Amino acid sequence: MENGDTLEVYANLSACMFAASERYNFLKENDTLYLETHSEISSFEKKQQTLPKIIYPFKPNNSFSFENYFKYLKNENKAKRKYGSSLVTVYYPNKDQTQYFNDDGLGDKFTKLDKLSLIRKRLYPNDKFFEIPEPSPPPQSRK
């Protein structure tokens, strides 16, 4: 990436009745790589968040990195299905270049999204946006 370039990664987190996505924008400014993340849940009630821009810790040998995740997706990429959208889409600075990574059903999708969530947790350890709150305990019955 050159200074001023932006690489956008779109992740489709939707499954069954759950509709959600996340967009990771990598921006290179003054020879530093930054990451800004926008999350959205659009099932039931719409929720959005944009996490603060952070310096992206580029470490090619780190197994919990986007660099290694893209290598994994490339090795595990499936043929585009007739229905549904790509699991992960990468939009390069040259807008003519786009890379699509697909899954092969729910099991494959969840495996690939689990790997992405490990990267996300490393980058944003305190973010609870996608966590489901524990249900309240049932009321105590009176005797």
C-alpha atoms as a PDB file:
ATOM      1  CA  MET A   1       0.000   0.000   0.000  1.00  0.00           C
ATOM      2  CA  GLU A   2       1.098   3.528  -0.741  1.00  0.00           C
ATOM      3  CA  ASN A   3       0.482   6.542   1.500  1.00  0.00           C
ATOM      4  CA  GLY A   4      -3.090   7.714   0.974  1.00  0.00           C
ATOM      5  CA  ASP A   5      -4.355   4.251  -0.051  1.00  0.00           C
ATOM      6  CA  THR A   6      -7.350   2.564   1.562  1.00  0.00           C
ATOM      7  CA  LEU A   7      -8.011  -1.166   1.574  1.00  0.00           C
ATOM      8  CA  GLU A   8     -11.588  -2.073   2.508  1.00  0.00           C
ATOM      9  CA  VAL A   9     -12.543  -5.505   3.819  1.00  0.00           C
ATOM     10  CA  TYR A  10     -16.241  -6.328   4.043  1.00  0.00           C
ATOM     11  CA  ALA A  11     -17.276  -9.342   6.154  1.00  0.00           C
ATOM     12  CA  ASN A  12     -20.798 -10.744   5.867  1.00  0.00           C
ATOM     13  CA  LEU A  13     -21.574 -12.084   9.348  1.00  0.00           C
ATOM     14  CA  SER A  14     -25.196 -12.984   8.568  1.00  0.00           C
ATOM     15  CA  ALA A  15     -26.594 -16.456   9.169  1.00  0.00           C
ATOM     16  CA  CYS A  16     -30.138 -17.749   9.483  1.00  0.00           C
ATOM     17  CA  MET A  17     -32.221 -14.982  11.117  1.00  0.00           C
ATOM     18  CA  PHE A  18     -29.177 -12.932  12.170  1.00  0.00           C
ATOM     19  CA  ALA A  19     -28.190 -10.125   9.772  1.00  0.00           C
ATOM     20  CA  ALA A  20     -24.866  -8.420  10.466  1.00  0.00           C
ATOM     21  CA  SER A  21     -21.741  -7.193   8.761  1.00  0.00           C
ATOM     22  CA  GLU A  22     -18.464  -5.556   9.502  1.00  0.00           C
ATOM     23  CA  ARG A  23     -16.275  -3.280   7.393  1.00  0.00           C
ATOM     24  CA  TYR A  24     -12.578  -2.936   8.109  1.00  0.00           C
ATOM     25  CA  ASN A  25     -10.877   0.070   6.492  1.00  0.00           C
ATOM     26  CA  PHE A  26      -7.090  -0.030   6.373  1.00  0.00           C
ATOM     27  CA  LEU A  27      -5.650   3.426   5.693  1.00  0.00           C
ATOM     28  CA  LYS A  28      -2.014   4.202   5.093  1.00  0.00           C
ATOM     29  CA  GLU A  29      -0.940   7.673   6.211  1.00  0.00           C
ATOM     30  CA  ASN A  30       2.637   8.885   6.725  1.00  0.00           C
ATOM     31  CA  ASP A  31       3.979   5.309   6.388  1.00  0.00           C
ATOM     32  CA  THR A  32       1.696   4.113   9.217  1.00  0.00           C
ATOM     33  CA  LEU A  33      -1.130   1.630   8.701  1.00  0.00           C
ATOM     34  CA  TYR A  34      -4.372   2.463  10.527  1.00  0.00           C
ATOM     35  CA  LEU A  35      -7.534   0.412  10.958  1.00  0.00           C
ATOM     36  CA  GLU A  36     -11.063   1.726  11.390  1.00  0.00           C
ATOM     37  CA  THR A  37     -13.889  -0.742  11.942  1.00  0.00           C
ATOM     38  CA  HIS A  38     -17.607  -0.250  11.365  1.00  0.00           C
ATOM     39  CA  SER A  39     -20.015  -2.891  12.714  1.00  0.00           C
ATOM     40  CA  GLU A  40     -23.712  -3.284  12.008  1.00  0.00           C
ATOM     41  CA  ILE A  41     -26.490  -5.578  13.128  1.00  0.00           C
ATOM     42  CA  SER A  42     -29.654  -5.144  11.103  1.00  0.00           C
ATOM     43  CA  SER A  43     -31.830  -7.994  12.306  1.00  0.00           C
ATOM     44  CA  PHE A  44     -34.687  -7.192  14.674  1.00  0.00           C
ATOM     45  CA  GLU A  45     -33.487  -3.731  15.762  1.00  0.00           C
ATOM     46  CA  LYS A  46     -30.728  -1.949  13.897  1.00  0.00           C
ATOM     47  CA  LYS A  47     -27.491  -1.290  15.772  1.00  0.00           C
ATOM     48  CA  GLN A  48     -24.300   0.306  14.477  1.00  0.00           C
ATOM     49  CA  GLN A  49     -20.925   1.290  15.817  1.00  0.00           C
ATOM     50  CA  THR A  50     -17.694   2.705  14.492  1.00  0.00           C
ATOM     51  CA  LEU A  51     -14.676   1.798  16.565  1.00  0.00           C
ATOM     52  CA  PRO A  52     -11.911   4.384  16.951  1.00  0.00           C
ATOM     53  CA  LYS A  53      -9.117   4.363  14.391  1.00  0.00           C
ATOM     54  CA  ILE A  54      -6.144   2.405  15.735  1.00  0.00           C
ATOM     55  CA  ILE A  55      -2.634   1.760  14.462  1.00  0.00           C
ATOM     56  CA  TYR A  56      -2.748  -1.670  12.847  1.00  0.00           C
ATOM     57  CA  PRO A  57       0.056  -3.860  14.244  1.00  0.00           C
ATOM     58  CA  PHE A  58       1.429  -5.297  10.989  1.00  0.00           C
ATOM     59  CA  LYS A  59       3.218  -8.516  11.974  1.00  0.00           C
ATOM     60  CA  PRO A  60       3.314 -11.021   9.089  1.00  0.00           C
ATOM     61  CA  ASN A  61       4.236 -13.971  11.333  1.00  0.00           C
ATOM     62  CA  ASN A  62       1.366 -13.406  13.770  1.00  0.00           C
ATOM     63  CA  SER A  63      -1.247 -16.143  13.288  1.00  0.00           C
ATOM     64  CA  PHE A  64      -3.972 -13.762  14.535  1.00  0.00           C
ATOM     65  CA  SER A  65      -3.508 -11.201  11.762  1.00  0.00           C
ATOM     66  CA  PHE A  66      -5.467 -10.193   8.700  1.00  0.00           C
ATOM     67  CA  GLU A  67      -2.450 -11.100   6.558  1.00  0.00           C
ATOM     68  CA  ASN A  68      -2.615 -14.746   7.675  1.00  0.00           C
ATOM     69  CA  TYR A  69      -6.416 -14.755   7.588  1.00  0.00           C
ATOM     70  CA  PHE A  70      -6.340 -13.780   3.899  1.00  0.00           C
ATOM     71  CA  LYS A  71      -3.820 -16.587   3.210  1.00  0.00           C
ATOM     72  CA  TYR A  72      -6.142 -19.021   4.998  1.00  0.00           C
ATOM     73  CA  LEU A  73      -9.184 -17.782   3.051  1.00  0.00           C
ATOM     74  CA  LYS A  74      -7.294 -18.070  -0.235  1.00  0.00           C
ATOM     75  CA  ASN A  75      -6.419 -21.711   0.514  1.00  0.00           C
ATOM     76  CA  GLU A  76      -9.942 -22.514   1.704  1.00  0.00           C
ATOM     77  CA  ASN A  77     -11.915 -20.470  -0.841  1.00  0.00           C
ATOM     78  CA  LYS A  78     -14.989 -22.202  -2.287  1.00  0.00           C
ATOM     79  CA  ALA A  79     -16.712 -21.699  -5.602  1.00  0.00           C
ATOM     80  CA  LYS A  80     -19.326 -18.934  -5.632  1.00  0.00           C
ATOM     81  CA  ARG A  81     -22.752 -20.382  -4.900  1.00  0.00           C
ATOM     82  CA  LYS A  82     -25.760 -19.387  -6.998  1.00  0.00           C
ATOM     83  CA  TYR A  83     -27.405 -17.840  -3.944  1.00  0.00           C
ATOM     84  CA  GLY A  84     -26.010 -15.717  -1.170  1.00  0.00           C
ATOM     85  CA  SER A  85     -23.165 -13.255  -1.096  1.00  0.00           C
ATOM     86  CA  SER A  86     -19.465 -13.670  -0.490  1.00  0.00           C
ATOM     87  CA  LEU A  87     -18.307 -14.218   3.052  1.00  0.00           C
ATOM     88  CA  VAL A  88     -15.432 -11.712   2.774  1.00  0.00           C
ATOM     89  CA  THR A  89     -14.831  -9.174   0.013  1.00  0.00           C
ATOM     90  CA  VAL A  90     -11.591  -7.220  -0.278  1.00  0.00           C
ATOM     91  CA  TYR A  91     -11.662  -3.950  -2.193  1.00  0.00           C
ATOM     92  CA  TYR A  92      -8.133  -2.904  -3.143  1.00  0.00           C
ATOM     93  CA  PRO A  93      -6.965   0.698  -3.684  1.00  0.00           C
ATOM     94  CA  ASN A  94      -7.145   0.015  -7.429  1.00  0.00           C
ATOM     95  CA  LYS A  95     -10.945  -0.210  -7.618  1.00  0.00           C
ATOM     96  CA  ASP A  96     -10.677  -2.600 -10.583  1.00  0.00           C
ATOM     97  CA  GLN A  97      -9.284  -5.195  -8.192  1.00  0.00           C
ATOM     98  CA  THR A  98     -11.684  -6.960  -5.879  1.00  0.00           C
ATOM     99  CA  GLN A  99     -11.240 -10.357  -4.275  1.00  0.00           C
ATOM    100  CA  TYR A 100     -14.130 -12.523  -3.131  1.00  0.00           C
ATOM    101  CA  PHE A 101     -13.853 -15.286  -0.542  1.00  0.00           C
ATOM    102  CA  ASN A 102     -16.760 -17.697  -0.308  1.00  0.00           C
ATOM    103  CA  ASP A 103     -17.918 -20.381   2.081  1.00  0.00           C
ATOM    104  CA  ASP A 104     -19.471 -23.772   1.464  1.00  0.00           C
ATOM    105  CA  GLY A 105     -22.436 -23.679   3.846  1.00  0.00           C
ATOM    106  CA  LEU A 106     -22.991 -22.823   7.494  1.00  0.00           C
ATOM    107  CA  GLY A 107     -20.325 -25.098   8.996  1.00  0.00           C
ATOM    108  CA  ASP A 108     -17.625 -23.695   6.717  1.00  0.00           C
ATOM    109  CA  LYS A 109     -18.899 -20.150   7.254  1.00  0.00           C
ATOM    110  CA  PHE A 110     -18.815 -20.429  11.052  1.00  0.00           C
ATOM    111  CA  THR A 111     -15.295 -21.910  10.979  1.00  0.00           C
ATOM    112  CA  LYS A 112     -14.062 -19.003   8.869  1.00  0.00           C
ATOM    113  CA  LEU A 113     -15.902 -16.402  10.968  1.00  0.00           C
ATOM    114  CA  ASP A 114     -14.523 -17.921  14.192  1.00  0.00           C
ATOM    115  CA  LYS A 115     -10.997 -17.308  12.892  1.00  0.00           C
ATOM    116  CA  LEU A 116     -11.943 -13.717  12.049  1.00  0.00           C
ATOM    117  CA  SER A 117     -13.410 -13.196  15.530  1.00  0.00           C
ATOM    118  CA  LEU A 118     -10.070 -14.201  17.103  1.00  0.00           C
ATOM    119  CA  ILE A 119      -8.347 -11.436  15.126  1.00  0.00           C
ATOM    120  CA  ARG A 120     -11.075  -8.985  16.064  1.00  0.00           C
ATOM    121  CA  LYS A 121     -10.773  -9.857  19.776  1.00  0.00           C
ATOM    122  CA  ARG A 122      -7.013  -9.297  19.638  1.00  0.00           C
ATOM    123  CA  LEU A 123      -7.481  -5.874  18.042  1.00  0.00           C
ATOM    124  CA  TYR A 124     -10.483  -4.793  20.137  1.00  0.00           C
ATOM    125  CA  PRO A 125     -10.326  -6.825  23.380  1.00  0.00           C
ATOM    126  CA  ASN A 126     -12.916  -4.702  25.213  1.00  0.00           C
ATOM    127  CA  ASP A 127     -15.546  -4.454  22.477  1.00  0.00           C
ATOM    128  CA  LYS A 128     -18.802  -6.258  23.349  1.00  0.00           C
ATOM    129  CA  PHE A 129     -20.884  -5.216  20.306  1.00  0.00           C
ATOM    130  CA  PHE A 130     -21.610  -8.747  19.056  1.00  0.00           C
ATOM    131  CA  GLU A 131     -21.923 -10.399  22.467  1.00  0.00           C
ATOM    132  CA  ILE A 132     -25.382 -11.594  23.407  1.00  0.00           C
ATOM    133  CA  PRO A 133     -26.403 -10.621  26.941  1.00  0.00           C
ATOM    134  CA  GLU A 134     -27.135 -13.397  29.387  1.00  0.00           C
ATOM    135  CA  PRO A 135     -30.865 -13.963  29.868  1.00  0.00           C
ATOM    136  CA  SER A 136     -32.313 -12.857  33.181  1.00  0.00           C
ATOM    137  CA  PRO A 137     -32.885 -15.634  35.693  1.00  0.00           C
ATOM    138  CA  PRO A 138     -36.499 -16.742  36.076  1.00  0.00           C
ATOM    139  CA  PRO A 139     -38.410 -15.022  38.893  1.00  0.00           C
ATOM    140  CA  GLN A 140     -38.417 -16.809  42.222  1.00  0.00           C
ATOM    141  CA  SER A 141     -41.725 -18.458  42.950  1.00  0.00           C
ATOM    142  CA  ARG A 142     -43.393 -17.554  46.260  1.00  0.00           C
ATOM    143  CA  LYS A 143     -44.639 -20.332  48.472  1.00  0.00           C
END
